[in-house]
Protein backbone atom coordinates (compact mmCIF):
# COMPACT_ATOMS: atom_id res chain seq x y z
CA UNK A 1 -26.64 -10.73 -1.89
CA UNK A 2 -26.16 -14.45 -1.21
CA UNK A 3 -25.74 -13.78 2.51
CA UNK A 4 -28.90 -11.65 2.53
CA UNK A 5 -30.91 -14.46 0.93
CA UNK A 6 -29.63 -16.79 3.64
CA UNK A 7 -31.12 -14.52 6.28
CA UNK A 8 -28.02 -12.57 7.30
CA UNK A 9 -28.26 -8.83 7.82
CA UNK A 10 -25.37 -6.91 6.27
CA UNK A 11 -24.38 -3.76 8.10
CA UNK A 12 -21.59 -1.28 7.75
CA UNK A 13 -19.43 -0.58 10.75
CA UNK A 14 -17.08 2.30 11.41
CA UNK A 15 -14.04 1.64 13.57
CA UNK A 16 -11.75 4.56 14.45
CA UNK A 17 -12.84 6.54 11.40
CA UNK A 18 -12.66 3.73 8.82
CA UNK A 19 -15.81 2.08 7.42
CA UNK A 20 -15.81 -1.72 7.18
CA UNK A 21 -18.51 -3.60 5.31
CA UNK A 22 -19.21 -6.83 3.41
CA UNK A 23 -20.33 -4.57 0.57
CA UNK A 24 -17.23 -3.48 -1.37
CA UNK A 25 -19.03 -0.48 -2.90
CA UNK A 26 -19.74 0.88 0.57
CA UNK A 27 -16.06 0.52 1.48
CA UNK A 28 -14.97 2.31 -1.70
CA UNK A 29 -17.54 5.11 -1.42
CA UNK A 30 -17.18 5.82 2.29
CA UNK A 31 -13.41 5.46 2.63
CA UNK A 32 -11.99 6.42 -0.75
CA UNK A 33 -14.34 8.16 -3.16
CA UNK A 34 -15.70 10.32 -0.36
CA UNK A 35 -12.18 11.17 0.76
CA UNK A 36 -11.18 12.17 -2.77
CA UNK A 37 -14.16 14.54 -3.00
CA UNK A 38 -13.37 15.98 0.43
CA UNK A 39 -9.71 16.63 -0.39
CA UNK A 40 -10.59 18.15 -3.77
CA UNK A 41 -13.01 20.56 -2.11
CA UNK A 42 -10.44 21.53 0.53
CA UNK A 43 -7.72 22.25 -2.04
CA UNK A 44 -10.17 24.21 -4.20
CA UNK A 45 -10.71 26.59 -1.28
CA UNK A 46 -6.93 27.07 -0.91
CA UNK A 47 -6.59 27.94 -4.62
CA UNK A 48 -8.00 31.38 -3.78
CA UNK A 49 -4.88 32.17 -1.73
CA UNK A 50 -2.55 32.26 -4.78
CA UNK A 51 0.17 30.34 -2.95
CA UNK A 52 3.65 29.55 -4.22
CA UNK A 53 4.47 26.01 -5.34
CA UNK A 54 6.19 25.31 -2.02
CA UNK A 55 3.19 26.74 -0.19
CA UNK A 56 0.82 24.49 -2.12
CA UNK A 57 2.93 21.44 -1.37
CA UNK A 58 2.77 22.27 2.33
CA UNK A 59 -1.03 22.49 2.06
CA UNK A 60 -1.08 19.06 0.36
CA UNK A 61 0.95 17.59 3.22
CA UNK A 62 -1.23 19.22 5.87
CA UNK A 63 -4.73 18.86 4.42
CA UNK A 64 -4.27 16.10 1.84
CA UNK A 65 -1.86 13.44 3.03
CA UNK A 66 -3.09 13.73 6.61
CA UNK A 67 -6.63 12.77 5.52
CA UNK A 68 -5.62 9.51 3.86
CA UNK A 69 -2.75 8.21 5.96
CA UNK A 70 -4.92 6.58 8.61
CA UNK A 71 -7.38 5.02 6.15
CA UNK A 72 -4.65 3.51 3.98
CA UNK A 73 -2.96 2.11 7.07
CA UNK A 74 -6.10 0.14 7.96
CA UNK A 75 -7.43 -1.33 4.70
CA UNK A 76 -6.16 -2.25 1.26
CA UNK A 77 -5.92 0.52 -1.34
CA UNK A 78 -7.97 0.27 -4.57
CA UNK A 79 -6.03 0.79 -7.81
CA UNK A 80 -7.90 3.95 -8.81
CA UNK A 81 -7.24 5.78 -5.54
CA UNK A 82 -3.56 6.65 -5.98
CA UNK A 83 -4.11 7.69 -9.60
CA UNK A 84 -7.04 9.96 -8.80
CA UNK A 85 -5.41 11.46 -5.72
CA UNK A 86 -2.24 12.30 -7.65
CA UNK A 87 -4.40 14.00 -10.29
CA UNK A 88 -5.99 16.17 -7.60
CA UNK A 89 -2.64 17.01 -5.99
CA UNK A 90 -0.79 17.90 -9.19
CA UNK A 91 -3.70 19.85 -10.63
CA UNK A 92 -3.66 21.94 -7.45
CA UNK A 93 0.11 22.53 -7.65
CA UNK A 94 0.13 23.56 -11.32
CA UNK A 95 -3.39 25.01 -11.70
CA UNK A 96 -3.82 22.54 -14.55
CA UNK A 97 -1.54 20.11 -16.36
CA UNK A 98 1.94 19.21 -15.11
CA UNK A 99 4.70 21.67 -16.02
CA UNK A 100 7.65 19.38 -15.21
CA UNK A 101 8.15 15.65 -14.64
CA UNK A 102 6.75 14.40 -11.38
CA UNK A 103 9.96 12.63 -10.37
CA UNK A 104 11.66 16.04 -10.57
CA UNK A 105 9.30 17.88 -8.24
CA UNK A 106 9.36 14.93 -5.82
CA UNK A 107 13.14 15.30 -5.42
CA UNK A 108 14.72 17.25 -2.55
CA UNK A 109 15.18 20.98 -2.95
CA UNK A 110 18.99 20.67 -3.12
CA UNK A 111 18.48 18.24 -6.01
CA UNK A 112 16.33 20.66 -7.96
CA UNK A 113 12.97 19.46 -6.67
CA UNK A 114 10.38 20.76 -4.22
CA UNK A 115 9.85 17.73 -1.91
CA UNK A 116 6.42 17.00 -3.31
CA UNK A 117 5.05 13.96 -1.45
CA UNK A 118 5.68 10.70 -3.31
CA UNK A 119 2.30 9.12 -2.67
CA UNK A 120 3.24 5.64 -3.85
CA UNK A 121 6.31 5.55 -1.59
CA UNK A 122 4.37 6.83 1.41
CA UNK A 123 1.74 4.10 1.10
CA UNK A 124 4.30 1.36 0.45
CA UNK A 125 6.24 2.46 3.53
CA UNK A 126 3.10 1.98 5.61
CA UNK A 127 2.86 -1.64 4.46
CA UNK A 128 6.58 -2.25 5.06
CA UNK A 129 6.10 -1.09 8.65
CA UNK A 130 3.34 -3.70 9.00
CA UNK A 131 5.86 -6.27 7.80
CA UNK A 132 8.25 -5.20 10.57
CA UNK A 133 5.42 -5.49 13.11
CA UNK A 134 4.79 -9.04 11.94
CA UNK A 135 8.33 -9.96 13.02
CA UNK A 136 8.16 -8.19 16.35
CA UNK A 137 7.92 -10.32 19.50
CA UNK A 138 4.59 -8.80 20.50
CA UNK A 139 1.62 -11.06 19.84
CA UNK A 140 -1.49 -9.69 18.19
CA UNK A 141 -4.46 -11.55 16.67
CA UNK A 142 -4.04 -9.89 13.25
CA UNK A 143 -0.80 -11.83 12.81
CA UNK A 144 -2.76 -15.09 12.75
CA UNK A 145 -4.37 -14.12 9.45
CA UNK A 146 -0.99 -13.46 7.86
CA UNK A 147 0.40 -16.70 9.30
CA UNK A 148 -2.47 -18.78 7.88
CA UNK A 149 -2.09 -17.13 4.49
CA UNK A 150 1.66 -17.77 4.40
CA UNK A 151 1.56 -21.42 5.47
CA UNK A 152 0.67 -22.76 1.98
CA UNK A 153 3.67 -20.90 0.50
CA UNK A 154 6.07 -23.19 2.38
CA UNK A 155 7.27 -20.82 5.09
CA UNK A 156 6.19 -17.98 7.37
CA UNK A 157 9.48 -16.22 6.62
CA UNK A 158 9.20 -13.11 4.44
CA UNK A 159 12.64 -11.70 5.29
CA UNK A 160 14.90 -14.34 3.76
CA UNK A 161 13.06 -14.85 0.50
CA UNK A 162 11.30 -12.98 -2.28
CA UNK A 163 7.90 -14.56 -2.83
CA UNK A 164 6.86 -14.62 -6.52
CA UNK A 165 4.09 -12.24 -7.54
CA UNK A 166 1.93 -15.09 -8.87
CA UNK A 167 2.19 -16.94 -5.55
CA UNK A 168 1.06 -13.82 -3.68
CA UNK A 169 -1.83 -13.19 -6.08
CA UNK A 170 -3.06 -16.79 -5.94
CA UNK A 171 -2.68 -17.12 -2.17
CA UNK A 172 -5.49 -16.95 0.37
CA UNK A 173 -3.96 -13.85 1.94
CA UNK A 174 -6.33 -10.93 2.39
CA UNK A 175 -5.91 -8.01 -0.03
CA UNK A 176 -4.35 -5.94 2.76
CA UNK A 177 -1.84 -8.67 3.63
CA UNK A 178 -1.01 -9.12 -0.05
CA UNK A 179 -0.08 -5.43 -0.12
CA UNK A 180 2.20 -5.99 2.88
CA UNK A 181 4.08 -8.85 1.18
CA UNK A 182 4.24 -7.01 -2.17
CA UNK A 183 5.71 -3.89 -0.54
CA UNK A 184 8.14 -6.00 1.49
CA UNK A 185 9.30 -7.76 -1.68
CA UNK A 186 10.49 -4.45 -3.08
CA UNK A 187 13.06 -4.28 -0.28
CA UNK A 188 14.55 -7.62 -1.22
CA UNK A 189 17.93 -7.67 -2.97
CA UNK A 190 19.84 -10.66 -4.30
CA UNK A 191 22.01 -11.94 -1.40
CA UNK A 192 25.77 -11.96 -2.04
CA UNK A 193 27.36 -12.69 1.32
CA UNK A 194 27.72 -16.42 2.19
CA UNK A 195 25.78 -16.05 5.43
CA UNK A 196 22.92 -14.23 3.71
CA UNK A 197 22.80 -16.88 0.98
CA UNK A 198 22.77 -19.69 3.55
CA UNK A 199 19.84 -18.09 5.38
CA UNK A 200 17.63 -18.02 2.29
CA UNK A 201 14.37 -19.97 2.41
CA UNK A 202 14.20 -22.68 -0.25
CA UNK A 203 10.48 -22.71 -1.04
CA UNK A 204 8.86 -20.12 -3.32
CA UNK A 205 11.89 -17.85 -3.40
CA UNK A 206 12.71 -15.90 -6.58
CA UNK A 207 16.38 -16.00 -5.56
CA UNK A 208 16.42 -19.81 -5.79
CA UNK A 209 15.10 -21.18 -9.09
CA UNK A 210 15.20 -24.25 -11.32
CA UNK A 211 16.97 -24.23 -14.71
CA UNK A 212 13.64 -23.10 -16.23
CA UNK A 213 13.70 -20.05 -13.90
CA UNK A 214 10.71 -21.29 -11.91
CA UNK A 215 10.84 -21.24 -8.13
CA UNK A 216 11.01 -24.42 -6.06
CA UNK A 217 8.24 -25.84 -3.90
CA UNK A 218 8.10 -29.28 -2.31
CA UNK A 219 4.61 -29.94 -3.73
CA UNK A 220 5.73 -29.32 -7.33
């Protein structure tokens, strides 16, 4: 609204199937709410086939996951999206409310499950892959945004430290880049080997704290 009053024209733009806009409602409606409606309609059609549980899970992978995987790899994911999508998926599998715990059906078949897609893990894996791309030797302009957002945290290194959640939330990183760092943090484990300990970054690292359990930063 402020930009419009200043004389700027706000337009929505679709790049490779994903809608980008300065209007957050347009982003949510075009990319996420519309996708939820589309997937729900598709699965409703397949309900008429009276498929087995394994058959339904295959349909979810083919006509559900495939419709979101590109969108979620391009822009940050709103909180409601995973919740609502899981509701649609599990309602389709059980024709109503859940019959067993979700962590059970997500497990492998030899473990008593049915290999139901773990949506949260799938989306976090996408962001972890972006983290790996950040450390590749290939230059790409998108890395500059992550670099600029990380500079105020004391280091560009995300491998040898676990950045505190509050630091990520209060940083100038874009929402998408915050998701990358948050997902990457989940891979971090407390270093035990001397070499791994020596390689740790000092600033804003949850593995290196003061007696009051707060992380260290040279500006503090």
